[in-house]
Amino acid sequence: MVELQLRGRGIVDERVLSAMAEIPRERFLPESRRGRAYHDGAVDVGEGQTMSQPWIVAATASLLELRGDERVLDVGTGSGYGAAVLSRVAADVVSIEVNERLAARARAALDELGYPVEVRTGDGCAGAPDRAPFGGVVVAATVEDRPPPALLDQLAPGAALVCPVRRDGDERLMRFRGGHEEALSAVRFVPLVRSAGA
């Protein structure tokens, strides 16, 4: 996976590559889907959600350009795998999942494997203002037009937010930093879900 799917497609951040070589991706999947853990594509994790393909996880973490001493916010915990990767390249990770069942499963997997991630259940669009500012924010679900303002407001100066954005029917992975935005690869994610009443 690391050589063909990641390094072979331009991922050069050695810390991200090392994290993804180390972390047992299959342990974040339901047993019935573990045979697809290293498949070059998204994998269904139930509850209408997916685990992103390895390249997307690596690209997203790399685009944050972390030094290793940052606190990072991960919106859309899903399986917990992306948060595990972030925990190996950042000092502190707060991850938010709107679905209680997915949050509980991810928390259990992260705890069992020893990845220090604080998993919260709630509306990821609100971020985690009590832990801000963040040295990076990842949103693992598609937003319409722009990221939620609260997430941009919780970025530390010079920090990046990376998320898939849909504009005019086109969905792209984008990086927002210092008032600038960059459109990167075409992607397809599940939409960002807000909690009821949010």
N, C-alpha and C. Protein backbone atom coordinates (compact mmCIF):
# COMPACT_ATOMS: atom_id res chain seq x y z
N MET A 1 0.82 -1.20 0.00
CA MET A 1 0.00 0.00 0.00
C MET A 1 0.87 1.26 0.00
N VAL A 2 1.85 1.32 0.92
CA VAL A 2 2.65 2.54 1.05
C VAL A 2 3.44 2.82 -0.22
N GLU A 3 4.10 1.81 -0.77
CA GLU A 3 4.94 2.05 -1.95
C GLU A 3 4.12 2.32 -3.21
N LEU A 4 3.10 1.51 -3.46
CA LEU A 4 2.34 1.63 -4.71
C LEU A 4 1.28 2.72 -4.65
N GLN A 5 0.45 2.69 -3.61
CA GLN A 5 -0.68 3.61 -3.56
C GLN A 5 -0.31 5.00 -3.07
N LEU A 6 0.73 5.09 -2.24
CA LEU A 6 1.05 6.39 -1.63
C LEU A 6 2.31 7.01 -2.22
N ARG A 7 3.47 6.41 -1.94
CA ARG A 7 4.71 6.97 -2.46
C ARG A 7 4.67 7.03 -4.00
N GLY A 8 4.11 6.00 -4.61
CA GLY A 8 4.04 5.95 -6.07
C GLY A 8 3.12 6.99 -6.68
N ARG A 9 2.28 7.60 -5.86
CA ARG A 9 1.37 8.65 -6.34
C ARG A 9 1.70 10.01 -5.75
N GLY A 10 2.93 10.18 -5.32
CA GLY A 10 3.38 11.52 -4.97
C GLY A 10 3.33 11.91 -3.51
N ILE A 11 2.98 10.99 -2.61
CA ILE A 11 3.02 11.32 -1.18
C ILE A 11 4.48 11.26 -0.73
N VAL A 12 4.99 12.38 -0.22
CA VAL A 12 6.41 12.45 0.14
C VAL A 12 6.66 12.71 1.62
N ASP A 13 5.61 12.97 2.38
CA ASP A 13 5.78 13.24 3.82
C ASP A 13 6.12 11.92 4.52
N GLU A 14 7.39 11.79 4.91
CA GLU A 14 7.87 10.52 5.47
C GLU A 14 7.16 10.16 6.78
N ARG A 15 6.77 11.18 7.55
CA ARG A 15 6.08 10.90 8.81
C ARG A 15 4.70 10.30 8.54
N VAL A 16 4.02 10.81 7.53
CA VAL A 16 2.71 10.25 7.16
C VAL A 16 2.88 8.84 6.62
N LEU A 17 3.86 8.65 5.77
CA LEU A 17 4.10 7.31 5.19
C LEU A 17 4.43 6.30 6.29
N SER A 18 5.25 6.72 7.25
CA SER A 18 5.61 5.83 8.36
C SER A 18 4.39 5.47 9.20
N ALA A 19 3.54 6.48 9.46
CA ALA A 19 2.33 6.23 10.25
C ALA A 19 1.43 5.23 9.55
N MET A 20 1.29 5.39 8.25
CA MET A 20 0.38 4.50 7.52
C MET A 20 0.96 3.11 7.32
N ALA A 21 2.27 2.99 7.37
CA ALA A 21 2.89 1.67 7.33
C ALA A 21 2.69 0.94 8.66
N GLU A 22 2.63 1.70 9.73
CA GLU A 22 2.55 1.13 11.08
C GLU A 22 1.13 0.78 11.51
N ILE A 23 0.16 1.60 11.14
CA ILE A 23 -1.20 1.47 11.70
C ILE A 23 -1.97 0.35 10.99
N PRO A 24 -2.52 -0.61 11.75
CA PRO A 24 -3.28 -1.72 11.15
C PRO A 24 -4.67 -1.26 10.69
N ARG A 25 -4.76 -0.88 9.45
CA ARG A 25 -5.99 -0.32 8.89
C ARG A 25 -7.20 -1.23 9.10
N GLU A 26 -6.97 -2.54 9.00
CA GLU A 26 -8.07 -3.51 9.12
C GLU A 26 -8.74 -3.47 10.49
N ARG A 27 -8.00 -3.06 11.52
CA ARG A 27 -8.56 -3.06 12.87
C ARG A 27 -9.63 -1.98 13.07
N PHE A 28 -9.76 -1.07 12.11
CA PHE A 28 -10.76 -0.02 12.20
C PHE A 28 -12.01 -0.34 11.37
N LEU A 29 -12.04 -1.56 10.81
CA LEU A 29 -13.17 -1.98 9.98
C LEU A 29 -13.96 -3.08 10.66
N PRO A 30 -15.28 -3.18 10.36
CA PRO A 30 -16.04 -4.34 10.82
C PRO A 30 -15.39 -5.61 10.27
N GLU A 31 -15.46 -6.69 11.02
CA GLU A 31 -14.78 -7.93 10.61
C GLU A 31 -15.14 -8.37 9.21
N SER A 32 -16.40 -8.18 8.82
CA SER A 32 -16.84 -8.63 7.50
C SER A 32 -16.19 -7.85 6.36
N ARG A 33 -15.56 -6.71 6.66
CA ARG A 33 -14.98 -5.87 5.60
C ARG A 33 -13.46 -5.77 5.69
N ARG A 34 -12.86 -6.50 6.61
CA ARG A 34 -11.42 -6.37 6.82
C ARG A 34 -10.60 -6.84 5.63
N GLY A 35 -11.15 -7.72 4.81
CA GLY A 35 -10.45 -8.19 3.62
C GLY A 35 -10.23 -7.09 2.60
N ARG A 36 -10.95 -5.97 2.74
CA ARG A 36 -10.81 -4.85 1.81
C ARG A 36 -10.00 -3.70 2.41
N ALA A 37 -9.37 -3.93 3.54
CA ALA A 37 -8.69 -2.86 4.28
C ALA A 37 -7.66 -2.11 3.44
N TYR A 38 -6.92 -2.83 2.59
CA TYR A 38 -5.84 -2.19 1.83
C TYR A 38 -6.21 -2.01 0.36
N HIS A 39 -7.50 -2.15 0.08
CA HIS A 39 -8.04 -1.92 -1.26
C HIS A 39 -7.85 -0.45 -1.63
N ASP A 40 -7.58 -0.19 -2.88
CA ASP A 40 -7.34 1.18 -3.34
C ASP A 40 -8.68 1.88 -3.60
N GLY A 41 -9.41 2.09 -2.54
CA GLY A 41 -10.72 2.74 -2.65
C GLY A 41 -11.34 2.85 -1.27
N ALA A 42 -12.47 3.54 -1.21
CA ALA A 42 -13.18 3.69 0.06
C ALA A 42 -13.81 2.35 0.47
N VAL A 43 -13.98 2.15 1.77
CA VAL A 43 -14.58 0.92 2.29
C VAL A 43 -15.75 1.30 3.20
N ASP A 44 -16.88 0.64 2.99
CA ASP A 44 -18.07 0.89 3.80
C ASP A 44 -17.82 0.47 5.25
N VAL A 45 -18.13 1.37 6.19
CA VAL A 45 -17.97 1.03 7.61
C VAL A 45 -19.32 0.96 8.32
N GLY A 46 -20.41 1.04 7.55
CA GLY A 46 -21.75 1.01 8.14
C GLY A 46 -22.23 2.41 8.48
N GLU A 47 -23.50 2.50 8.85
CA GLU A 47 -24.10 3.78 9.23
C GLU A 47 -24.05 4.80 8.10
N GLY A 48 -23.95 4.30 6.85
CA GLY A 48 -23.92 5.20 5.71
C GLY A 48 -22.60 5.93 5.52
N GLN A 49 -21.54 5.46 6.19
CA GLN A 49 -20.24 6.13 6.14
C GLN A 49 -19.19 5.19 5.55
N THR A 50 -18.06 5.79 5.14
CA THR A 50 -16.97 5.01 4.56
C THR A 50 -15.64 5.39 5.19
N MET A 51 -14.69 4.45 5.09
CA MET A 51 -13.29 4.75 5.39
C MET A 51 -12.67 5.18 4.07
N SER A 52 -12.05 6.35 4.05
CA SER A 52 -11.46 6.87 2.82
C SER A 52 -10.34 5.97 2.32
N GLN A 53 -10.12 6.00 1.00
CA GLN A 53 -9.04 5.21 0.43
C GLN A 53 -7.70 5.69 1.01
N PRO A 54 -6.70 4.83 1.07
CA PRO A 54 -5.44 5.19 1.70
C PRO A 54 -4.83 6.47 1.14
N TRP A 55 -4.86 6.68 -0.17
CA TRP A 55 -4.24 7.87 -0.75
C TRP A 55 -4.89 9.15 -0.22
N ILE A 56 -6.21 9.13 -0.07
CA ILE A 56 -6.91 10.32 0.43
C ILE A 56 -6.48 10.63 1.87
N VAL A 57 -6.39 9.60 2.70
CA VAL A 57 -5.97 9.79 4.09
C VAL A 57 -4.57 10.38 4.13
N ALA A 58 -3.67 9.83 3.32
CA ALA A 58 -2.29 10.30 3.29
C ALA A 58 -2.19 11.73 2.74
N ALA A 59 -2.91 12.01 1.66
CA ALA A 59 -2.86 13.34 1.05
C ALA A 59 -3.39 14.39 2.02
N THR A 60 -4.50 14.08 2.68
CA THR A 60 -5.10 15.03 3.61
C THR A 60 -4.15 15.35 4.75
N ALA A 61 -3.57 14.32 5.35
CA ALA A 61 -2.63 14.55 6.46
C ALA A 61 -1.40 15.32 5.98
N SER A 62 -0.90 14.99 4.79
CA SER A 62 0.28 15.67 4.25
C SER A 62 0.02 17.14 3.97
N LEU A 63 -1.17 17.45 3.48
CA LEU A 63 -1.51 18.83 3.12
C LEU A 63 -1.56 19.76 4.32
N LEU A 64 -1.69 19.21 5.52
CA LEU A 64 -1.66 20.05 6.71
C LEU A 64 -0.25 20.59 6.98
N GLU A 65 0.77 19.91 6.44
CA GLU A 65 2.18 20.30 6.62
C GLU A 65 2.52 20.51 8.09
N LEU A 66 2.25 19.47 8.87
CA LEU A 66 2.47 19.53 10.32
C LEU A 66 3.94 19.35 10.69
N ARG A 67 4.33 20.00 11.77
CA ARG A 67 5.69 19.84 12.32
C ARG A 67 5.72 18.69 13.33
N GLY A 68 4.58 18.46 13.99
CA GLY A 68 4.50 17.39 14.98
C GLY A 68 4.12 17.87 16.36
N ASP A 69 4.13 19.19 16.59
CA ASP A 69 3.81 19.71 17.92
C ASP A 69 2.42 20.36 17.98
N GLU A 70 1.63 20.18 16.92
CA GLU A 70 0.33 20.84 16.83
C GLU A 70 -0.80 20.04 17.47
N ARG A 71 -1.87 20.75 17.80
CA ARG A 71 -3.16 20.13 18.13
C ARG A 71 -3.98 20.19 16.85
N VAL A 72 -4.59 19.06 16.47
CA VAL A 72 -5.34 18.97 15.22
C VAL A 72 -6.78 18.58 15.51
N LEU A 73 -7.68 19.16 14.72
CA LEU A 73 -9.10 18.82 14.80
C LEU A 73 -9.47 17.97 13.60
N ASP A 74 -10.11 16.85 13.87
CA ASP A 74 -10.55 15.90 12.84
C ASP A 74 -12.08 15.86 12.88
N VAL A 75 -12.72 16.35 11.83
CA VAL A 75 -14.19 16.39 11.79
C VAL A 75 -14.69 15.24 10.93
N GLY A 76 -15.47 14.35 11.53
CA GLY A 76 -15.95 13.16 10.83
C GLY A 76 -15.07 11.98 11.15
N THR A 77 -15.09 11.55 12.39
CA THR A 77 -14.22 10.46 12.86
C THR A 77 -14.39 9.20 12.04
N GLY A 78 -15.65 8.87 11.71
CA GLY A 78 -15.91 7.64 10.96
C GLY A 78 -15.35 6.42 11.66
N SER A 79 -14.46 5.69 10.99
CA SER A 79 -13.88 4.47 11.57
C SER A 79 -12.83 4.79 12.64
N GLY A 80 -12.26 5.99 12.59
CA GLY A 80 -11.17 6.34 13.50
C GLY A 80 -9.79 6.21 12.89
N TYR A 81 -9.71 5.62 11.70
CA TYR A 81 -8.41 5.39 11.07
C TYR A 81 -7.68 6.69 10.75
N GLY A 82 -8.38 7.66 10.17
CA GLY A 82 -7.75 8.94 9.84
C GLY A 82 -7.23 9.63 11.08
N ALA A 83 -8.00 9.54 12.17
CA ALA A 83 -7.57 10.15 13.44
C ALA A 83 -6.32 9.45 13.98
N ALA A 84 -6.24 8.14 13.79
CA ALA A 84 -5.05 7.40 14.22
C ALA A 84 -3.82 7.88 13.47
N VAL A 85 -3.97 8.08 12.17
CA VAL A 85 -2.85 8.59 11.36
C VAL A 85 -2.43 9.97 11.86
N LEU A 86 -3.40 10.84 12.08
CA LEU A 86 -3.10 12.18 12.57
C LEU A 86 -2.40 12.14 13.93
N SER A 87 -2.76 11.16 14.77
CA SER A 87 -2.15 11.07 16.10
C SER A 87 -0.66 10.74 16.04
N ARG A 88 -0.21 10.24 14.89
CA ARG A 88 1.20 9.91 14.73
C ARG A 88 2.00 11.06 14.12
N VAL A 89 1.31 12.10 13.64
CA VAL A 89 2.03 13.22 13.02
C VAL A 89 1.73 14.54 13.72
N ALA A 90 0.89 14.52 14.75
CA ALA A 90 0.56 15.70 15.54
C ALA A 90 0.69 15.36 17.01
N ALA A 91 0.75 16.38 17.84
CA ALA A 91 0.91 16.14 19.28
C ALA A 91 -0.39 15.78 19.96
N ASP A 92 -1.51 16.27 19.42
CA ASP A 92 -2.81 16.14 20.09
C ASP A 92 -3.90 16.13 19.02
N VAL A 93 -4.84 15.21 19.12
CA VAL A 93 -5.92 15.12 18.13
C VAL A 93 -7.27 15.08 18.84
N VAL A 94 -8.16 15.98 18.42
CA VAL A 94 -9.55 15.97 18.85
C VAL A 94 -10.37 15.60 17.63
N SER A 95 -11.19 14.56 17.75
CA SER A 95 -11.98 14.08 16.62
C SER A 95 -13.46 14.10 16.98
N ILE A 96 -14.29 14.59 16.06
CA ILE A 96 -15.72 14.72 16.32
C ILE A 96 -16.52 13.91 15.30
N GLU A 97 -17.46 13.09 15.81
CA GLU A 97 -18.32 12.25 14.98
C GLU A 97 -19.77 12.48 15.38
N VAL A 98 -20.63 12.73 14.40
CA VAL A 98 -22.04 13.00 14.69
C VAL A 98 -22.81 11.73 15.04
N ASN A 99 -22.36 10.58 14.54
CA ASN A 99 -23.06 9.32 14.76
C ASN A 99 -22.53 8.64 16.02
N GLU A 100 -23.39 8.46 17.01
CA GLU A 100 -22.95 7.92 18.30
C GLU A 100 -22.37 6.52 18.18
N ARG A 101 -22.96 5.67 17.33
CA ARG A 101 -22.47 4.29 17.20
C ARG A 101 -21.07 4.27 16.58
N LEU A 102 -20.88 5.08 15.53
CA LEU A 102 -19.55 5.14 14.91
C LEU A 102 -18.52 5.71 15.89
N ALA A 103 -18.91 6.75 16.62
CA ALA A 103 -17.99 7.36 17.59
C ALA A 103 -17.56 6.33 18.63
N ALA A 104 -18.50 5.54 19.12
CA ALA A 104 -18.18 4.53 20.14
C ALA A 104 -17.25 3.46 19.58
N ARG A 105 -17.51 3.01 18.35
CA ARG A 105 -16.65 1.99 17.73
C ARG A 105 -15.24 2.54 17.50
N ALA A 106 -15.16 3.78 16.99
CA ALA A 106 -13.85 4.39 16.72
C ALA A 106 -13.08 4.58 18.03
N ARG A 107 -13.77 5.06 19.05
CA ARG A 107 -13.13 5.28 20.36
C ARG A 107 -12.56 3.97 20.89
N ALA A 108 -13.35 2.89 20.77
CA ALA A 108 -12.90 1.59 21.27
C ALA A 108 -11.67 1.10 20.51
N ALA A 109 -11.68 1.25 19.18
CA ALA A 109 -10.53 0.80 18.37
C ALA A 109 -9.29 1.62 18.69
N LEU A 110 -9.44 2.94 18.78
CA LEU A 110 -8.29 3.80 19.09
C LEU A 110 -7.72 3.49 20.47
N ASP A 111 -8.61 3.31 21.45
CA ASP A 111 -8.15 2.99 22.80
C ASP A 111 -7.44 1.64 22.85
N GLU A 112 -8.03 0.65 22.20
CA GLU A 112 -7.46 -0.70 22.21
C GLU A 112 -6.07 -0.72 21.60
N LEU A 113 -5.87 0.07 20.53
CA LEU A 113 -4.59 0.08 19.83
C LEU A 113 -3.61 1.11 20.39
N GLY A 114 -4.07 1.93 21.33
CA GLY A 114 -3.18 2.87 21.99
C GLY A 114 -2.90 4.16 21.24
N TYR A 115 -3.86 4.59 20.40
CA TYR A 115 -3.69 5.87 19.71
C TYR A 115 -4.41 6.95 20.52
N PRO A 116 -3.67 7.96 21.00
CA PRO A 116 -4.24 8.95 21.92
C PRO A 116 -5.07 10.02 21.20
N VAL A 117 -6.33 9.70 20.98
CA VAL A 117 -7.25 10.62 20.30
C VAL A 117 -8.44 10.86 21.21
N GLU A 118 -8.82 12.11 21.37
CA GLU A 118 -10.04 12.44 22.11
C GLU A 118 -11.20 12.42 21.11
N VAL A 119 -12.08 11.42 21.24
CA VAL A 119 -13.24 11.30 20.33
C VAL A 119 -14.46 11.89 21.01
N ARG A 120 -15.07 12.84 20.34
CA ARG A 120 -16.30 13.46 20.84
C ARG A 120 -17.46 13.12 19.92
N THR A 121 -18.65 13.05 20.49
CA THR A 121 -19.86 12.88 19.69
C THR A 121 -20.56 14.23 19.64
N GLY A 122 -20.87 14.69 18.42
CA GLY A 122 -21.54 15.97 18.31
C GLY A 122 -21.47 16.52 16.90
N ASP A 123 -21.83 17.78 16.78
CA ASP A 123 -21.87 18.47 15.50
C ASP A 123 -20.48 18.98 15.15
N GLY A 124 -19.84 18.34 14.20
CA GLY A 124 -18.50 18.73 13.82
C GLY A 124 -18.42 20.12 13.22
N CYS A 125 -19.53 20.62 12.69
CA CYS A 125 -19.53 21.97 12.10
C CYS A 125 -19.22 23.03 13.14
N ALA A 126 -19.46 22.74 14.40
CA ALA A 126 -19.19 23.70 15.47
C ALA A 126 -17.75 23.62 15.94
N GLY A 127 -17.04 22.57 15.52
CA GLY A 127 -15.66 22.39 15.95
C GLY A 127 -15.55 22.09 17.43
N ALA A 128 -14.44 22.49 18.02
CA ALA A 128 -14.19 22.28 19.45
C ALA A 128 -13.57 23.55 20.00
N PRO A 129 -14.39 24.60 20.17
CA PRO A 129 -13.84 25.90 20.58
C PRO A 129 -13.07 25.87 21.90
N ASP A 130 -13.42 24.92 22.76
CA ASP A 130 -12.71 24.82 24.04
C ASP A 130 -11.29 24.31 23.89
N ARG A 131 -10.95 23.74 22.73
CA ARG A 131 -9.58 23.24 22.49
C ARG A 131 -8.84 24.06 21.43
N ALA A 132 -9.50 25.06 20.85
CA ALA A 132 -8.88 25.90 19.83
C ALA A 132 -7.83 26.81 20.47
N PRO A 133 -6.87 27.31 19.68
CA PRO A 133 -6.75 27.18 18.23
C PRO A 133 -6.08 25.87 17.83
N PHE A 134 -6.34 25.46 16.60
CA PHE A 134 -5.81 24.22 16.06
C PHE A 134 -4.73 24.51 15.02
N GLY A 135 -3.70 23.68 15.04
CA GLY A 135 -2.63 23.79 14.06
C GLY A 135 -2.96 23.10 12.76
N GLY A 136 -4.17 22.60 12.64
CA GLY A 136 -4.66 21.97 11.41
C GLY A 136 -6.05 21.44 11.66
N VAL A 137 -6.88 21.49 10.63
CA VAL A 137 -8.23 20.93 10.70
C VAL A 137 -8.46 20.08 9.46
N VAL A 138 -8.97 18.88 9.66
CA VAL A 138 -9.35 17.98 8.57
C VAL A 138 -10.85 17.76 8.65
N VAL A 139 -11.53 17.88 7.52
CA VAL A 139 -12.95 17.54 7.45
C VAL A 139 -13.08 16.38 6.47
N ALA A 140 -13.55 15.24 6.96
CA ALA A 140 -13.60 14.02 6.15
C ALA A 140 -14.99 13.79 5.55
N ALA A 141 -15.63 14.87 5.13
CA ALA A 141 -16.93 14.80 4.47
C ALA A 141 -17.10 16.08 3.65
N THR A 142 -17.90 15.99 2.61
CA THR A 142 -18.03 17.12 1.69
C THR A 142 -18.90 18.24 2.24
N VAL A 143 -18.39 19.47 2.08
CA VAL A 143 -19.16 20.66 2.43
C VAL A 143 -19.58 21.36 1.14
N GLU A 144 -20.66 22.11 1.21
CA GLU A 144 -21.11 22.88 0.07
C GLU A 144 -20.46 24.25 0.07
N ASP A 145 -19.75 24.57 -0.96
CA ASP A 145 -19.17 25.89 -1.24
C ASP A 145 -17.99 26.28 -0.36
N ARG A 146 -18.15 26.24 0.99
CA ARG A 146 -17.08 26.64 1.90
C ARG A 146 -17.15 25.83 3.19
N PRO A 147 -16.03 25.69 3.90
CA PRO A 147 -16.09 25.02 5.20
C PRO A 147 -16.93 25.83 6.18
N PRO A 148 -17.49 25.19 7.20
CA PRO A 148 -18.23 25.93 8.23
C PRO A 148 -17.35 27.03 8.83
N PRO A 149 -17.88 28.25 8.97
CA PRO A 149 -17.09 29.36 9.49
C PRO A 149 -16.43 29.08 10.84
N ALA A 150 -17.12 28.34 11.71
CA ALA A 150 -16.54 28.05 13.03
C ALA A 150 -15.22 27.31 12.92
N LEU A 151 -15.09 26.44 11.92
CA LEU A 151 -13.86 25.67 11.77
C LEU A 151 -12.72 26.57 11.31
N LEU A 152 -12.99 27.47 10.38
CA LEU A 152 -11.97 28.41 9.94
C LEU A 152 -11.55 29.33 11.08
N ASP A 153 -12.52 29.73 11.91
CA ASP A 153 -12.23 30.62 13.03
C ASP A 153 -11.35 29.95 14.08
N GLN A 154 -11.37 28.62 14.13
CA GLN A 154 -10.61 27.90 15.15
C GLN A 154 -9.20 27.53 14.71
N LEU A 155 -8.80 27.96 13.51
CA LEU A 155 -7.44 27.71 13.03
C LEU A 155 -6.45 28.67 13.68
N ALA A 156 -5.30 28.16 14.04
CA ALA A 156 -4.20 29.02 14.49
C ALA A 156 -3.67 29.79 13.29
N PRO A 157 -3.04 30.94 13.50
CA PRO A 157 -2.46 31.68 12.39
C PRO A 157 -1.51 30.80 11.57
N GLY A 158 -1.68 30.81 10.26
CA GLY A 158 -0.81 30.04 9.38
C GLY A 158 -1.19 28.58 9.23
N ALA A 159 -2.17 28.12 10.00
CA ALA A 159 -2.58 26.70 9.94
C ALA A 159 -3.53 26.48 8.77
N ALA A 160 -3.64 25.23 8.34
CA ALA A 160 -4.46 24.88 7.19
C ALA A 160 -5.68 24.06 7.59
N LEU A 161 -6.75 24.24 6.83
CA LEU A 161 -7.93 23.38 6.91
C LEU A 161 -8.04 22.67 5.57
N VAL A 162 -8.17 21.35 5.59
CA VAL A 162 -8.28 20.56 4.37
C VAL A 162 -9.60 19.83 4.38
N CYS A 163 -10.37 20.00 3.30
CA CYS A 163 -11.66 19.30 3.21
C CYS A 163 -12.14 19.23 1.77
N PRO A 164 -13.01 18.27 1.47
CA PRO A 164 -13.64 18.22 0.16
C PRO A 164 -14.75 19.26 0.07
N VAL A 165 -14.81 19.96 -1.05
CA VAL A 165 -15.79 21.02 -1.25
C VAL A 165 -16.52 20.80 -2.57
N ARG A 166 -17.84 20.94 -2.52
CA ARG A 166 -18.63 20.84 -3.75
C ARG A 166 -19.04 22.25 -4.18
N ARG A 167 -18.70 22.57 -5.43
CA ARG A 167 -19.10 23.84 -6.03
C ARG A 167 -19.54 23.58 -7.46
N ASP A 168 -20.73 24.02 -7.80
CA ASP A 168 -21.25 23.87 -9.17
C ASP A 168 -21.15 22.44 -9.68
N GLY A 169 -21.46 21.49 -8.79
CA GLY A 169 -21.46 20.07 -9.19
C GLY A 169 -20.09 19.44 -9.24
N ASP A 170 -19.03 20.20 -8.95
CA ASP A 170 -17.66 19.69 -8.98
C ASP A 170 -17.16 19.54 -7.54
N GLU A 171 -16.62 18.38 -7.23
CA GLU A 171 -16.15 18.12 -5.86
C GLU A 171 -14.64 17.96 -5.86
N ARG A 172 -13.96 18.81 -5.05
CA ARG A 172 -12.50 18.77 -5.02
C ARG A 172 -11.99 18.85 -3.59
N LEU A 173 -10.87 18.20 -3.37
CA LEU A 173 -10.18 18.36 -2.09
C LEU A 173 -9.54 19.74 -2.12
N MET A 174 -9.77 20.53 -1.06
CA MET A 174 -9.27 21.90 -1.03
C MET A 174 -8.52 22.17 0.26
N ARG A 175 -7.56 23.11 0.16
CA ARG A 175 -6.83 23.56 1.34
C ARG A 175 -7.08 25.05 1.51
N PHE A 176 -7.47 25.43 2.73
CA PHE A 176 -7.73 26.81 3.10
C PHE A 176 -6.68 27.22 4.13
N ARG A 177 -5.98 28.34 3.85
CA ARG A 177 -4.96 28.78 4.79
C ARG A 177 -4.72 30.28 4.60
N GLY A 178 -4.78 31.01 5.71
CA GLY A 178 -4.48 32.43 5.68
C GLY A 178 -5.32 33.23 4.70
N GLY A 179 -6.58 32.87 4.55
CA GLY A 179 -7.46 33.60 3.63
C GLY A 179 -7.34 33.16 2.19
N HIS A 180 -6.45 32.22 1.90
CA HIS A 180 -6.28 31.72 0.53
C HIS A 180 -6.85 30.31 0.44
N GLU A 181 -7.23 29.91 -0.76
CA GLU A 181 -7.71 28.54 -0.95
C GLU A 181 -7.08 27.94 -2.20
N GLU A 182 -6.83 26.63 -2.13
CA GLU A 182 -6.26 25.89 -3.25
C GLU A 182 -7.17 24.72 -3.56
N ALA A 183 -7.55 24.58 -4.81
CA ALA A 183 -8.32 23.41 -5.25
C ALA A 183 -7.33 22.36 -5.73
N LEU A 184 -7.47 21.14 -5.17
CA LEU A 184 -6.53 20.08 -5.48
C LEU A 184 -7.25 18.98 -6.26
N SER A 185 -7.08 17.73 -5.90
CA SER A 185 -7.64 16.65 -6.70
C SER A 185 -9.16 16.54 -6.63
N ALA A 186 -9.72 16.00 -7.70
CA ALA A 186 -11.15 15.65 -7.72
C ALA A 186 -11.36 14.48 -6.77
N VAL A 187 -12.41 14.55 -5.97
CA VAL A 187 -12.69 13.50 -4.98
C VAL A 187 -14.20 13.26 -4.91
N ARG A 188 -14.57 12.22 -4.16
CA ARG A 188 -15.98 11.96 -3.89
C ARG A 188 -16.09 11.47 -2.45
N PHE A 189 -16.76 12.24 -1.62
CA PHE A 189 -16.96 11.92 -0.21
C PHE A 189 -18.44 11.89 0.10
N VAL A 190 -18.78 11.33 1.26
CA VAL A 190 -20.15 11.45 1.76
C VAL A 190 -20.33 12.89 2.25
N PRO A 191 -21.56 13.42 2.23
CA PRO A 191 -21.76 14.80 2.68
C PRO A 191 -21.59 14.96 4.18
N LEU A 192 -21.15 16.15 4.59
CA LEU A 192 -21.02 16.46 6.01
C LEU A 192 -22.42 16.55 6.61
N VAL A 193 -22.62 15.80 7.71
CA VAL A 193 -23.94 15.74 8.36
C VAL A 193 -23.89 16.55 9.63
N ARG A 194 -24.90 17.39 9.82
CA ARG A 194 -25.02 18.13 11.08
C ARG A 194 -25.88 17.33 12.04
N SER A 195 -25.68 17.55 13.33
CA SER A 195 -26.52 16.86 14.31
C SER A 195 -27.91 17.44 14.29
N ALA A 196 -28.89 16.67 14.72
CA ALA A 196 -30.28 17.12 14.72
C ALA A 196 -30.42 18.38 15.55
N GLY A 197 -31.11 19.36 14.99
CA GLY A 197 -31.35 20.60 15.71
C GLY A 197 -30.23 21.61 15.57
N ALA A 198 -29.15 21.24 14.89
CA ALA A 198 -28.02 22.17 14.74
C ALA A 198 -28.31 23.19 13.67
